[in-house]
Amino acid sequence: MISIKKNVKFRQEFSGVFLFVIPQHLCCRSQAIFLLCVAFLLITFDELGAADRIWLEPAPRTVAEGDWFPRNIEVLSGRVVALDAEQFRVVRDGQVAETVTSAARVLWIEPDQVSDLEREMINRFKQGDYAESLSGLPDALKNRPPVWRQQWLTMLSANSAWKVGRPTIALELVGQLDRRPLPAMVLAWLPIAWENRAQPAAVVQSAKQRVQDSSAAVRLVAASWLLSSADRNQGLQIINELVEDPGTSKAISQLAKILSWRVIPPPQVGSLRTTWEKQIDALPLAVQTGPTRLLMDKLRASGRAEEAKRLQLSLELTPVYGLKQVVPVRANQ
């Protein structure tokens, strides 16, 4: 059930250009909570005019609120002032003072002012024209969009480079971005291989060349590419090092720990599923897409097609970039 204020409609494909979308937290709840959330999800819209649109993860619950009913995703309009790894600053419509909140709550942003170059680049990506999308990055950045948009566009291009067989460029872009802490909305787009599918030889070779990189994000991506290769053990070693190293950021460490699930044998998945769901739920909503796809892939491999199908349906509740890359799950598989 979706609550719409006035004539604003919520669709799976927004007509404008939006900078990030993810699945909601529903995908990693127990079946009962999942069904309740699907049935009673309420999204309340501020009146949206000619301004940036922002979607925020629900604020943390208080003890008095309990956890029975789902919380609203907060949707507002205003002017984005800044977004970095720690804070999100915005001036809401009708206000003068800035509102400051945790950057981890930012789910996606649809900016009011976007250059034609950015729009074309994003549309190309959505259409699967990854080479064309990648080629548009230099010109799009020449217009000097805000830093947070430069970061997101660059990470989008890292994904494009990976998809078109230019992994060296993908890792170079990730390394450049990892020179400063990144918002969850940007980290969510790291070109990590979340699913157990073989990578091309060129991808594996590029990964092997960067396994000792100074960037933890580069090492994480490289390790994910190695897990489906003959160098699987090296990939797992990198992942374990990222988890155990106290110098690794919390975000990268969490993602590395979840990525290690890829090597868990199928017979063990059933007993671990509940624990894994809780670990995914502990992440900011903005970075849950990849881990959810990993869990879905593991459930399928262990013969739990119905459970995997529920996760896919939860992904389809929101307009996720690259969703068509998810392998359909059928009950008879």
C-alpha atoms as a PDB file:
ATOM      1  CA  MET A   1       0.000   0.000   0.000  1.00  0.00           C
ATOM      2  CA  ILE A   2       1.560   3.280  -1.057  1.00  0.00           C
ATOM      3  CA  SER A   3       0.377   6.619   0.251  1.00  0.00           C
ATOM      4  CA  ILE A   4       0.585   9.373  -2.368  1.00  0.00           C
ATOM      5  CA  LYS A   5       0.253  13.031  -1.480  1.00  0.00           C
ATOM      6  CA  LYS A   6      -1.713  15.010  -4.061  1.00  0.00           C
ATOM      7  CA  ASN A   7      -1.001  13.872  -7.624  1.00  0.00           C
ATOM      8  CA  VAL A   8       2.580  12.708  -7.235  1.00  0.00           C
ATOM      9  CA  LYS A   9       2.941   9.150  -8.480  1.00  0.00           C
ATOM     10  CA  PHE A  10       5.500   6.590  -7.430  1.00  0.00           C
ATOM     11  CA  ARG A  11       6.548   4.399 -10.340  1.00  0.00           C
ATOM     12  CA  GLN A  12       9.171   1.757 -10.869  1.00  0.00           C
ATOM     13  CA  GLU A  13      10.807   3.947 -13.507  1.00  0.00           C
ATOM     14  CA  PHE A  14      11.062   7.622 -12.607  1.00  0.00           C
ATOM     15  CA  SER A  15      10.667   9.930 -15.589  1.00  0.00           C
ATOM     16  CA  GLY A  16      13.592  12.107 -14.511  1.00  0.00           C
ATOM     17  CA  VAL A  17      17.232  11.292 -13.909  1.00  0.00           C
ATOM     18  CA  PHE A  18      17.935   9.834 -10.503  1.00  0.00           C
ATOM     19  CA  LEU A  19      21.325   9.103  -9.059  1.00  0.00           C
ATOM     20  CA  PHE A  20      20.830   6.029  -6.980  1.00  0.00           C
ATOM     21  CA  VAL A  21      18.241   3.381  -6.199  1.00  0.00           C
ATOM     22  CA  ILE A  22      18.385   0.315  -4.014  1.00  0.00           C
ATOM     23  CA  PRO A  23      16.106  -2.426  -2.696  1.00  0.00           C
ATOM     24  CA  GLN A  24      14.416  -1.672   0.601  1.00  0.00           C
ATOM     25  CA  HIS A  25      15.282  -3.523   3.796  1.00  0.00           C
ATOM     26  CA  LEU A  26      12.294  -5.846   3.299  1.00  0.00           C
ATOM     27  CA  CYS A  27      14.433  -8.333   1.428  1.00  0.00           C
ATOM     28  CA  CYS A  28      16.303  -9.528   4.494  1.00  0.00           C
ATOM     29  CA  ARG A  29      13.534  -9.985   7.020  1.00  0.00           C
ATOM     30  CA  SER A  30      11.834 -13.197   7.999  1.00  0.00           C
ATOM     31  CA  GLN A  31       8.999 -14.250   5.710  1.00  0.00           C
ATOM     32  CA  ALA A  32       6.336 -12.947   8.087  1.00  0.00           C
ATOM     33  CA  ILE A  33       7.904  -9.513   8.452  1.00  0.00           C
ATOM     34  CA  PHE A  34       8.575  -9.429   4.725  1.00  0.00           C
ATOM     35  CA  LEU A  35       4.911 -10.027   3.915  1.00  0.00           C
ATOM     36  CA  LEU A  36       3.822  -7.412   6.423  1.00  0.00           C
ATOM     37  CA  CYS A  37       6.206  -4.884   4.916  1.00  0.00           C
ATOM     38  CA  VAL A  38       5.010  -5.579   1.392  1.00  0.00           C
ATOM     39  CA  ALA A  39       1.411  -5.277   2.486  1.00  0.00           C
ATOM     40  CA  PHE A  40       1.775  -2.137   4.574  1.00  0.00           C
ATOM     41  CA  LEU A  41       4.730  -0.231   3.104  1.00  0.00           C
ATOM     42  CA  LEU A  42       3.942   3.474   3.340  1.00  0.00           C
ATOM     43  CA  ILE A  43       5.923   6.054   1.442  1.00  0.00           C
ATOM     44  CA  THR A  44       4.875   9.583   2.324  1.00  0.00           C
ATOM     45  CA  PHE A  45       5.868  12.282  -0.124  1.00  0.00           C
ATOM     46  CA  ASP A  46       6.593  15.912   0.644  1.00  0.00           C
ATOM     47  CA  GLU A  47       5.097  18.136  -1.988  1.00  0.00           C
ATOM     48  CA  LEU A  48       7.664  17.933  -4.786  1.00  0.00           C
ATOM     49  CA  GLY A  49       8.316  20.931  -6.962  1.00  0.00           C
ATOM     50  CA  ALA A  50      11.289  22.200  -8.928  1.00  0.00           C
ATOM     51  CA  ALA A  51      13.887  21.006  -6.470  1.00  0.00           C
ATOM     52  CA  ASP A  52      16.165  18.081  -5.746  1.00  0.00           C
ATOM     53  CA  ARG A  53      14.291  14.995  -4.600  1.00  0.00           C
ATOM     54  CA  ILE A  54      15.832  12.967  -1.810  1.00  0.00           C
ATOM     55  CA  TRP A  55      14.925   9.565  -0.415  1.00  0.00           C
ATOM     56  CA  LEU A  56      16.170   8.792   3.102  1.00  0.00           C
ATOM     57  CA  GLU A  57      16.316   5.563   5.056  1.00  0.00           C
ATOM     58  CA  PRO A  58      13.857   5.685   7.977  1.00  0.00           C
ATOM     59  CA  ALA A  59      15.309   7.216  11.110  1.00  0.00           C
ATOM     60  CA  PRO A  60      16.448   4.745  13.789  1.00  0.00           C
ATOM     61  CA  ARG A  61      13.652   3.420  15.972  1.00  0.00           C
ATOM     62  CA  THR A  62      13.219   4.448  19.554  1.00  0.00           C
ATOM     63  CA  VAL A  63      12.696   1.814  22.227  1.00  0.00           C
ATOM     64  CA  ALA A  64       9.088   2.933  22.638  1.00  0.00           C
ATOM     65  CA  GLU A  65       8.314   2.444  18.935  1.00  0.00           C
ATOM     66  CA  GLY A  66       9.208  -1.245  18.834  1.00  0.00           C
ATOM     67  CA  ASP A  67       9.778  -2.990  15.512  1.00  0.00           C
ATOM     68  CA  TRP A  68       6.390  -4.436  14.552  1.00  0.00           C
ATOM     69  CA  PHE A  69       5.336  -1.961  11.849  1.00  0.00           C
ATOM     70  CA  PRO A  70       7.585  -0.831   9.017  1.00  0.00           C
ATOM     71  CA  ARG A  71       8.854   2.729   9.153  1.00  0.00           C
ATOM     72  CA  ASN A  72       8.277   5.222   6.384  1.00  0.00           C
ATOM     73  CA  ILE A  73      10.969   5.986   3.858  1.00  0.00           C
ATOM     74  CA  GLU A  74      11.325   9.742   4.095  1.00  0.00           C
ATOM     75  CA  VAL A  75      10.956  11.510   0.757  1.00  0.00           C
ATOM     76  CA  LEU A  76      11.581  15.221   0.635  1.00  0.00           C
ATOM     77  CA  SER A  77      12.389  18.043  -1.743  1.00  0.00           C
ATOM     78  CA  GLY A  78      14.877  20.846  -1.357  1.00  0.00           C
ATOM     79  CA  ARG A  79      18.397  21.866  -2.308  1.00  0.00           C
ATOM     80  CA  VAL A  80      21.251  19.463  -1.639  1.00  0.00           C
ATOM     81  CA  VAL A  81      24.122  21.390  -0.064  1.00  0.00           C
ATOM     82  CA  ALA A  82      26.650  18.591   0.407  1.00  0.00           C
ATOM     83  CA  LEU A  83      27.004  14.847   0.797  1.00  0.00           C
ATOM     84  CA  ASP A  84      30.141  13.170   2.086  1.00  0.00           C
ATOM     85  CA  ALA A  85      30.933   9.962   3.943  1.00  0.00           C
ATOM     86  CA  GLU A  86      29.574  11.286   7.236  1.00  0.00           C
ATOM     87  CA  GLN A  87      26.963  13.976   6.696  1.00  0.00           C
ATOM     88  CA  PHE A  88      24.159  14.893   4.337  1.00  0.00           C
ATOM     89  CA  ARG A  89      23.215  18.569   4.326  1.00  0.00           C
ATOM     90  CA  VAL A  90      20.088  19.863   2.652  1.00  0.00           C
ATOM     91  CA  VAL A  91      17.882  22.952   2.739  1.00  0.00           C
ATOM     92  CA  ARG A  92      14.319  21.693   2.596  1.00  0.00           C
ATOM     93  CA  ASP A  93      11.668  23.470   0.581  1.00  0.00           C
ATOM     94  CA  GLY A  94      10.199  26.352   2.539  1.00  0.00           C
ATOM     95  CA  GLN A  95      13.112  26.510   4.954  1.00  0.00           C
ATOM     96  CA  VAL A  96      16.234  28.632   5.202  1.00  0.00           C
ATOM     97  CA  ALA A  97      18.390  26.691   7.637  1.00  0.00           C
ATOM     98  CA  GLU A  98      20.224  23.512   6.643  1.00  0.00           C
ATOM     99  CA  THR A  99      19.105  20.128   7.898  1.00  0.00           C
ATOM    100  CA  VAL A 100      21.970  17.772   8.703  1.00  0.00           C
ATOM    101  CA  THR A 101      21.592  14.008   8.881  1.00  0.00           C
ATOM    102  CA  SER A 102      23.736  10.895   8.552  1.00  0.00           C
ATOM    103  CA  ALA A 103      25.031  10.270   5.037  1.00  0.00           C
ATOM    104  CA  ALA A 104      24.281   6.564   5.509  1.00  0.00           C
ATOM    105  CA  ARG A 105      20.556   7.362   5.381  1.00  0.00           C
ATOM    106  CA  VAL A 106      20.660   8.664   1.808  1.00  0.00           C
ATOM    107  CA  LEU A 107      19.083   6.084  -0.494  1.00  0.00           C
ATOM    108  CA  TRP A 108      18.954   7.994  -3.744  1.00  0.00           C
ATOM    109  CA  ILE A 109      18.749  11.502  -5.111  1.00  0.00           C
ATOM    110  CA  GLU A 110      17.031  12.878  -8.169  1.00  0.00           C
ATOM    111  CA  PRO A 111      18.654  16.268  -8.817  1.00  0.00           C
ATOM    112  CA  ASP A 112      16.688  19.126 -10.287  1.00  0.00           C
ATOM    113  CA  GLN A 113      19.575  20.443 -12.367  1.00  0.00           C
ATOM    114  CA  VAL A 114      21.426  17.861 -14.462  1.00  0.00           C
ATOM    115  CA  SER A 115      23.509  18.569 -17.547  1.00  0.00           C
ATOM    116  CA  ASP A 116      22.582  16.953 -20.836  1.00  0.00           C
ATOM    117  CA  LEU A 117      25.914  15.109 -20.715  1.00  0.00           C
ATOM    118  CA  GLU A 118      25.107  13.543 -17.350  1.00  0.00           C
ATOM    119  CA  ARG A 119      21.606  12.671 -18.461  1.00  0.00           C
ATOM    120  CA  GLU A 120      22.876  10.965 -21.610  1.00  0.00           C
ATOM    121  CA  MET A 121      25.547   9.093 -19.675  1.00  0.00           C
ATOM    122  CA  ILE A 122      23.066   7.716 -17.150  1.00  0.00           C
ATOM    123  CA  ASN A 123      20.490   6.843 -19.799  1.00  0.00           C
ATOM    124  CA  ARG A 124      23.130   4.974 -21.786  1.00  0.00           C
ATOM    125  CA  PHE A 125      23.969   2.936 -18.702  1.00  0.00           C
ATOM    126  CA  LYS A 126      20.322   2.130 -18.055  1.00  0.00           C
ATOM    127  CA  GLN A 127      19.965   0.947 -21.663  1.00  0.00           C
ATOM    128  CA  GLY A 128      22.997  -1.316 -21.365  1.00  0.00           C
ATOM    129  CA  ASP A 129      25.174   0.820 -23.652  1.00  0.00           C
ATOM    130  CA  TYR A 130      28.063   0.668 -21.216  1.00  0.00           C
ATOM    131  CA  ALA A 131      30.868   1.635 -23.608  1.00  0.00           C
ATOM    132  CA  GLU A 132      28.994   4.784 -24.637  1.00  0.00           C
ATOM    133  CA  SER A 133      28.186   5.577 -21.006  1.00  0.00           C
ATOM    134  CA  LEU A 134      31.851   5.202 -20.034  1.00  0.00           C
ATOM    135  CA  SER A 135      33.048   7.439 -22.852  1.00  0.00           C
ATOM    136  CA  GLY A 136      30.842  10.258 -21.569  1.00  0.00           C
ATOM    137  CA  LEU A 137      32.531  10.526 -18.163  1.00  0.00           C
ATOM    138  CA  PRO A 138      35.342  13.007 -19.018  1.00  0.00           C
ATOM    139  CA  ASP A 139      32.985  15.514 -20.621  1.00  0.00           C
ATOM    140  CA  ALA A 140      30.402  15.126 -17.854  1.00  0.00           C
ATOM    141  CA  LEU A 141      33.029  15.894 -15.208  1.00  0.00           C
ATOM    142  CA  LYS A 142      34.275  18.957 -17.107  1.00  0.00           C
ATOM    143  CA  ASN A 143      31.034  20.671 -16.121  1.00  0.00           C
ATOM    144  CA  ARG A 144      32.162  20.366 -12.477  1.00  0.00           C
ATOM    145  CA  PRO A 145      29.028  18.887 -10.912  1.00  0.00           C
ATOM    146  CA  PRO A 146      29.009  18.719  -7.086  1.00  0.00           C
ATOM    147  CA  VAL A 147      31.619  16.384  -5.610  1.00  0.00           C
ATOM    148  CA  TRP A 148      29.092  13.769  -4.532  1.00  0.00           C
ATOM    149  CA  ARG A 149      27.741  13.572  -8.087  1.00  0.00           C
ATOM    150  CA  GLN A 150      31.258  13.360  -9.509  1.00  0.00           C
ATOM    151  CA  GLN A 151      31.880  10.419  -7.192  1.00  0.00           C
ATOM    152  CA  TRP A 152      28.675   8.647  -8.163  1.00  0.00           C
ATOM    153  CA  LEU A 153      29.191   9.183 -11.891  1.00  0.00           C
ATOM    154  CA  THR A 154      32.758   7.895 -11.613  1.00  0.00           C
ATOM    155  CA  MET A 155      31.644   4.760  -9.764  1.00  0.00           C
ATOM    156  CA  LEU A 156      28.945   4.238 -12.378  1.00  0.00           C
ATOM    157  CA  SER A 157      31.705   4.388 -14.986  1.00  0.00           C
ATOM    158  CA  ALA A 158      33.759   1.840 -13.054  1.00  0.00           C
ATOM    159  CA  ASN A 159      30.827  -0.539 -13.447  1.00  0.00           C
ATOM    160  CA  SER A 160      30.586   0.262 -17.148  1.00  0.00           C
ATOM    161  CA  ALA A 161      34.300  -0.421 -17.622  1.00  0.00           C
ATOM    162  CA  TRP A 162      33.995  -3.780 -15.873  1.00  0.00           C
ATOM    163  CA  LYS A 163      30.961  -4.757 -17.964  1.00  0.00           C
ATOM    164  CA  VAL A 164      32.652  -3.961 -21.299  1.00  0.00           C
ATOM    165  CA  GLY A 165      35.871  -5.812 -20.517  1.00  0.00           C
ATOM    166  CA  ARG A 166      38.040  -2.879 -19.467  1.00  0.00           C
ATOM    167  CA  PRO A 167      38.796  -3.971 -15.893  1.00  0.00           C
ATOM    168  CA  THR A 168      42.037  -1.980 -15.655  1.00  0.00           C
ATOM    169  CA  ILE A 169      40.050   1.231 -16.064  1.00  0.00           C
ATOM    170  CA  ALA A 170      37.449   0.016 -13.577  1.00  0.00           C
ATOM    171  CA  LEU A 171      40.054  -0.578 -10.869  1.00  0.00           C
ATOM    172  CA  GLU A 172      41.824   2.697 -11.628  1.00  0.00           C
ATOM    173  CA  LEU A 173      38.577   4.630 -11.164  1.00  0.00           C
ATOM    174  CA  VAL A 174      37.856   2.817  -7.899  1.00  0.00           C
ATOM    175  CA  GLY A 175      41.370   3.626  -6.677  1.00  0.00           C
ATOM    176  CA  GLN A 176      40.964   7.299  -7.498  1.00  0.00           C
ATOM    177  CA  LEU A 177      37.673   7.462  -5.609  1.00  0.00           C
ATOM    178  CA  ASP A 178      39.047   5.626  -2.579  1.00  0.00           C
ATOM    179  CA  ARG A 179      41.465   8.473  -1.840  1.00  0.00           C
ATOM    180  CA  ARG A 180      38.767   9.962   0.348  1.00  0.00           C
ATOM    181  CA  PRO A 181      35.946   8.368   2.392  1.00  0.00           C
ATOM    182  CA  LEU A 182      32.828   7.789   0.291  1.00  0.00           C
ATOM    183  CA  PRO A 183      29.103   8.004   1.057  1.00  0.00           C
ATOM    184  CA  ALA A 184      27.222   4.710   1.250  1.00  0.00           C
ATOM    185  CA  MET A 185      25.310   5.736  -1.872  1.00  0.00           C
ATOM    186  CA  VAL A 186      28.603   5.664  -3.802  1.00  0.00           C
ATOM    187  CA  LEU A 187      30.115   2.591  -2.122  1.00  0.00           C
ATOM    188  CA  ALA A 188      27.042   0.634  -3.135  1.00  0.00           C
ATOM    189  CA  TRP A 189      28.213   0.910  -6.741  1.00  0.00           C
ATOM    190  CA  LEU A 190      31.617  -0.697  -6.278  1.00  0.00           C
ATOM    191  CA  PRO A 191      31.996  -3.133  -9.226  1.00  0.00           C
ATOM    192  CA  ILE A 192      32.057  -6.160  -6.944  1.00  0.00           C
ATOM    193  CA  ALA A 193      31.258  -9.601  -8.357  1.00  0.00           C
ATOM    194  CA  TRP A 194      28.630 -10.603  -5.815  1.00  0.00           C
ATOM    195  CA  GLU A 195      27.544 -13.749  -7.637  1.00  0.00           C
ATOM    196  CA  ASN A 196      29.445 -16.948  -8.420  1.00  0.00           C
ATOM    197  CA  ARG A 197      30.015 -16.473 -12.126  1.00  0.00           C
ATOM    198  CA  ALA A 198      33.278 -16.944 -13.972  1.00  0.00           C
ATOM    199  CA  GLN A 199      35.092 -13.746 -14.893  1.00  0.00           C
ATOM    200  CA  PRO A 200      36.869 -13.256 -18.246  1.00  0.00           C
ATOM    201  CA  ALA A 201      40.606 -13.882 -18.318  1.00  0.00           C
ATOM    202  CA  ALA A 202      41.314 -10.166 -18.739  1.00  0.00           C
ATOM    203  CA  VAL A 203      39.340  -9.385 -15.588  1.00  0.00           C
ATOM    204  CA  VAL A 204      41.209 -12.008 -13.568  1.00  0.00           C
ATOM    205  CA  GLN A 205      44.557 -10.763 -14.878  1.00  0.00           C
ATOM    206  CA  SER A 206      43.751  -7.170 -13.927  1.00  0.00           C
ATOM    207  CA  ALA A 207      42.691  -8.304 -10.467  1.00  0.00           C
ATOM    208  CA  LYS A 208      45.975 -10.170  -9.922  1.00  0.00           C
ATOM    209  CA  GLN A 209      47.908  -7.026 -10.783  1.00  0.00           C
ATOM    210  CA  ARG A 210      46.166  -5.013  -8.043  1.00  0.00           C
ATOM    211  CA  VAL A 211      46.019  -7.496  -5.153  1.00  0.00           C
ATOM    212  CA  GLN A 212      48.543  -5.462  -3.146  1.00  0.00           C
ATOM    213  CA  ASP A 213      47.068  -2.083  -3.995  1.00  0.00           C
ATOM    214  CA  SER A 214      47.110   0.599  -1.312  1.00  0.00           C
ATOM    215  CA  SER A 215      43.359   1.047  -1.774  1.00  0.00           C
ATOM    216  CA  ALA A 216      41.226  -1.323   0.304  1.00  0.00           C
ATOM    217  CA  ALA A 217      38.325  -0.796  -2.099  1.00  0.00           C
ATOM    218  CA  VAL A 218      40.491  -1.876  -5.050  1.00  0.00           C
ATOM    219  CA  ARG A 219      41.626  -4.980  -3.185  1.00  0.00           C
ATOM    220  CA  LEU A 220      38.030  -5.828  -2.295  1.00  0.00           C
ATOM    221  CA  VAL A 221      36.879  -5.565  -5.912  1.00  0.00           C
ATOM    222  CA  ALA A 222      39.913  -7.503  -7.157  1.00  0.00           C
ATOM    223  CA  ALA A 223      39.290 -10.264  -4.609  1.00  0.00           C
ATOM    224  CA  SER A 224      35.681 -10.586  -5.732  1.00  0.00           C
ATOM    225  CA  TRP A 225      36.852 -11.114  -9.313  1.00  0.00           C
ATOM    226  CA  LEU A 226      39.328 -13.788  -8.234  1.00  0.00           C
ATOM    227  CA  LEU A 227      36.803 -15.888  -6.324  1.00  0.00           C
ATOM    228  CA  SER A 228      35.477 -17.476  -9.527  1.00  0.00           C
ATOM    229  CA  SER A 229      38.929 -18.220 -10.910  1.00  0.00           C
ATOM    230  CA  ALA A 230      41.792 -20.630 -10.317  1.00  0.00           C
ATOM    231  CA  ASP A 231      43.128 -17.982  -7.922  1.00  0.00           C
ATOM    232  CA  ARG A 232      40.154 -18.326  -5.603  1.00  0.00           C
ATOM    233  CA  ASN A 233      42.305 -18.926  -2.533  1.00  0.00           C
ATOM    234  CA  GLN A 234      44.219 -15.718  -3.155  1.00  0.00           C
ATOM    235  CA  GLY A 235      40.940 -13.834  -3.389  1.00  0.00           C
ATOM    236  CA  LEU A 236      39.740 -15.333  -0.117  1.00  0.00           C
ATOM    237  CA  GLN A 237      43.045 -14.455   1.562  1.00  0.00           C
ATOM    238  CA  ILE A 238      42.628 -10.810   0.539  1.00  0.00           C
ATOM    239  CA  ILE A 239      39.081 -10.802   1.882  1.00  0.00           C
ATOM    240  CA  ASN A 240      40.180 -12.244   5.233  1.00  0.00           C
ATOM    241  CA  GLU A 241      42.956  -9.661   5.485  1.00  0.00           C
ATOM    242  CA  LEU A 242      40.470  -6.845   4.889  1.00  0.00           C
ATOM    243  CA  VAL A 243      38.189  -8.198   7.604  1.00  0.00           C
ATOM    244  CA  GLU A 244      40.972  -8.655  10.159  1.00  0.00           C
ATOM    245  CA  ASP A 245      42.966  -5.482   9.459  1.00  0.00           C
ATOM    246  CA  PRO A 246      41.981  -2.832  12.070  1.00  0.00           C
ATOM    247  CA  GLY A 247      42.976  -0.182   9.548  1.00  0.00           C
ATOM    248  CA  THR A 248      40.213  -1.209   7.137  1.00  0.00           C
ATOM    249  CA  SER A 249      37.182   1.060   7.211  1.00  0.00           C
ATOM    250  CA  LYS A 250      34.049  -0.369   8.794  1.00  0.00           C
ATOM    251  CA  ALA A 251      32.165  -0.233   5.493  1.00  0.00           C
ATOM    252  CA  ILE A 252      34.797  -2.146   3.505  1.00  0.00           C
ATOM    253  CA  SER A 253      35.266  -4.648   6.331  1.00  0.00           C
ATOM    254  CA  GLN A 254      31.530  -5.367   6.450  1.00  0.00           C
ATOM    255  CA  LEU A 255      31.319  -5.845   2.689  1.00  0.00           C
ATOM    256  CA  ALA A 256      34.406  -8.088   2.724  1.00  0.00           C
ATOM    257  CA  LYS A 257      32.923 -10.292   5.431  1.00  0.00           C
ATOM    258  CA  ILE A 258      29.728 -10.717   3.429  1.00  0.00           C
ATOM    259  CA  LEU A 259      31.678 -11.375   0.235  1.00  0.00           C
ATOM    260  CA  SER A 260      33.374 -14.310   1.969  1.00  0.00           C
ATOM    261  CA  TRP A 261      30.019 -16.094   1.944  1.00  0.00           C
ATOM    262  CA  ARG A 262      30.580 -16.848  -1.713  1.00  0.00           C
ATOM    263  CA  VAL A 263      32.900 -19.738  -0.817  1.00  0.00           C
ATOM    264  CA  ILE A 264      30.532 -21.363   1.714  1.00  0.00           C
ATOM    265  CA  PRO A 265      29.433 -24.826   0.483  1.00  0.00           C
ATOM    266  CA  PRO A 266      25.722 -25.082  -0.493  1.00  0.00           C
ATOM    267  CA  PRO A 267      24.805 -27.588   2.278  1.00  0.00           C
ATOM    268  CA  GLN A 268      25.682 -24.979   4.926  1.00  0.00           C
ATOM    269  CA  VAL A 269      23.583 -22.178   3.475  1.00  0.00           C
ATOM    270  CA  GLY A 270      20.307 -23.227   5.053  1.00  0.00           C
ATOM    271  CA  SER A 271      21.610 -23.078   8.609  1.00  0.00           C
ATOM    272  CA  LEU A 272      23.363 -19.756   7.994  1.00  0.00           C
ATOM    273  CA  ARG A 273      20.587 -17.931   6.150  1.00  0.00           C
ATOM    274  CA  THR A 274      19.010 -16.288   9.207  1.00  0.00           C
ATOM    275  CA  THR A 275      22.382 -15.094  10.501  1.00  0.00           C
ATOM    276  CA  TRP A 276      23.285 -13.748   7.075  1.00  0.00           C
ATOM    277  CA  GLU A 277      20.005 -11.856   6.798  1.00  0.00           C
ATOM    278  CA  LYS A 278      20.665 -10.179  10.136  1.00  0.00           C
ATOM    279  CA  GLN A 279      24.130  -9.113   8.976  1.00  0.00           C
ATOM    280  CA  ILE A 280      22.691  -7.633   5.780  1.00  0.00           C
ATOM    281  CA  ASP A 281      20.023  -5.828   7.800  1.00  0.00           C
ATOM    282  CA  ALA A 282      22.777  -4.249   9.896  1.00  0.00           C
ATOM    283  CA  LEU A 283      24.125  -2.487   6.799  1.00  0.00           C
ATOM    284  CA  PRO A 284      22.831   0.887   5.641  1.00  0.00           C
ATOM    285  CA  LEU A 285      19.971   0.299   3.201  1.00  0.00           C
ATOM    286  CA  ALA A 286      22.029   1.974   0.502  1.00  0.00           C
ATOM    287  CA  VAL A 287      24.515  -0.901   0.333  1.00  0.00           C
ATOM    288  CA  GLN A 288      22.192  -3.880   0.748  1.00  0.00           C
ATOM    289  CA  THR A 289      21.604  -4.582  -2.955  1.00  0.00           C
ATOM    290  CA  GLY A 290      24.825  -6.479  -3.674  1.00  0.00           C
ATOM    291  CA  PRO A 291      24.775  -8.560  -0.486  1.00  0.00           C
ATOM    292  CA  THR A 292      21.132  -9.432  -1.131  1.00  0.00           C
ATOM    293  CA  ARG A 293      21.998 -10.623  -4.614  1.00  0.00           C
ATOM    294  CA  LEU A 294      24.794 -12.734  -3.132  1.00  0.00           C
ATOM    295  CA  LEU A 295      22.369 -14.343  -0.686  1.00  0.00           C
ATOM    296  CA  MET A 296      19.874 -14.935  -3.478  1.00  0.00           C
ATOM    297  CA  ASP A 297      22.570 -16.629  -5.557  1.00  0.00           C
ATOM    298  CA  LYS A 298      23.612 -18.862  -2.642  1.00  0.00           C
ATOM    299  CA  LEU A 299      20.016 -19.868  -1.946  1.00  0.00           C
ATOM    300  CA  ARG A 300      19.538 -20.861  -5.558  1.00  0.00           C
ATOM    301  CA  ALA A 301      22.727 -22.920  -5.547  1.00  0.00           C
ATOM    302  CA  SER A 302      21.584 -24.739  -2.395  1.00  0.00           C
ATOM    303  CA  GLY A 303      18.227 -25.701  -3.905  1.00  0.00           C
ATOM    304  CA  ARG A 304      16.170 -23.074  -2.048  1.00  0.00           C
ATOM    305  CA  ALA A 305      14.577 -21.525  -5.100  1.00  0.00           C
ATOM    306  CA  GLU A 306      11.417 -20.325  -3.341  1.00  0.00           C
ATOM    307  CA  GLU A 307      13.401 -18.414  -0.716  1.00  0.00           C
ATOM    308  CA  ALA A 308      15.579 -16.922  -3.444  1.00  0.00           C
ATOM    309  CA  LYS A 309      12.497 -15.907  -5.402  1.00  0.00           C
ATOM    310  CA  ARG A 310      11.188 -13.900  -2.439  1.00  0.00           C
ATOM    311  CA  LEU A 311      14.448 -11.968  -2.384  1.00  0.00           C
ATOM    312  CA  GLN A 312      14.215 -11.235  -6.096  1.00  0.00           C
ATOM    313  CA  LEU A 313      10.666  -9.974  -5.689  1.00  0.00           C
ATOM    314  CA  SER A 314      11.870  -7.642  -2.951  1.00  0.00           C
ATOM    315  CA  LEU A 315      14.551  -6.299  -5.303  1.00  0.00           C
ATOM    316  CA  GLU A 316      11.912  -5.624  -7.922  1.00  0.00           C
ATOM    317  CA  LEU A 317       9.958  -3.415  -5.507  1.00  0.00           C
ATOM    318  CA  THR A 318      12.284  -0.555  -6.364  1.00  0.00           C
ATOM    319  CA  PRO A 319      13.709   0.644  -9.699  1.00  0.00           C
ATOM    320  CA  VAL A 320      17.206  -0.790  -9.411  1.00  0.00           C
ATOM    321  CA  TYR A 321      19.855   0.113 -11.971  1.00  0.00           C
ATOM    322  CA  GLY A 322      21.224  -3.076 -13.475  1.00  0.00           C
ATOM    323  CA  LEU A 323      18.352  -5.191 -12.144  1.00  0.00           C
ATOM    324  CA  LYS A 324      18.039  -6.881 -15.524  1.00  0.00           C
ATOM    325  CA  GLN A 325      21.437  -8.419 -14.819  1.00  0.00           C
ATOM    326  CA  VAL A 326      19.877 -10.503 -12.032  1.00  0.00           C
ATOM    327  CA  VAL A 327      19.239 -14.052 -13.214  1.00  0.00           C
ATOM    328  CA  PRO A 328      15.501 -14.841 -12.943  1.00  0.00           C
ATOM    329  CA  VAL A 329      14.622 -17.321 -10.241  1.00  0.00           C
ATOM    330  CA  ARG A 330      11.954 -19.927 -10.964  1.00  0.00           C
ATOM    331  CA  ALA A 331      10.285 -22.224  -8.517  1.00  0.00           C
ATOM    332  CA  ASN A 332      11.032 -25.313 -10.597  1.00  0.00           C
ATOM    333  CA  GLN A 333      14.788 -24.710 -10.687  1.00  0.00           C
END
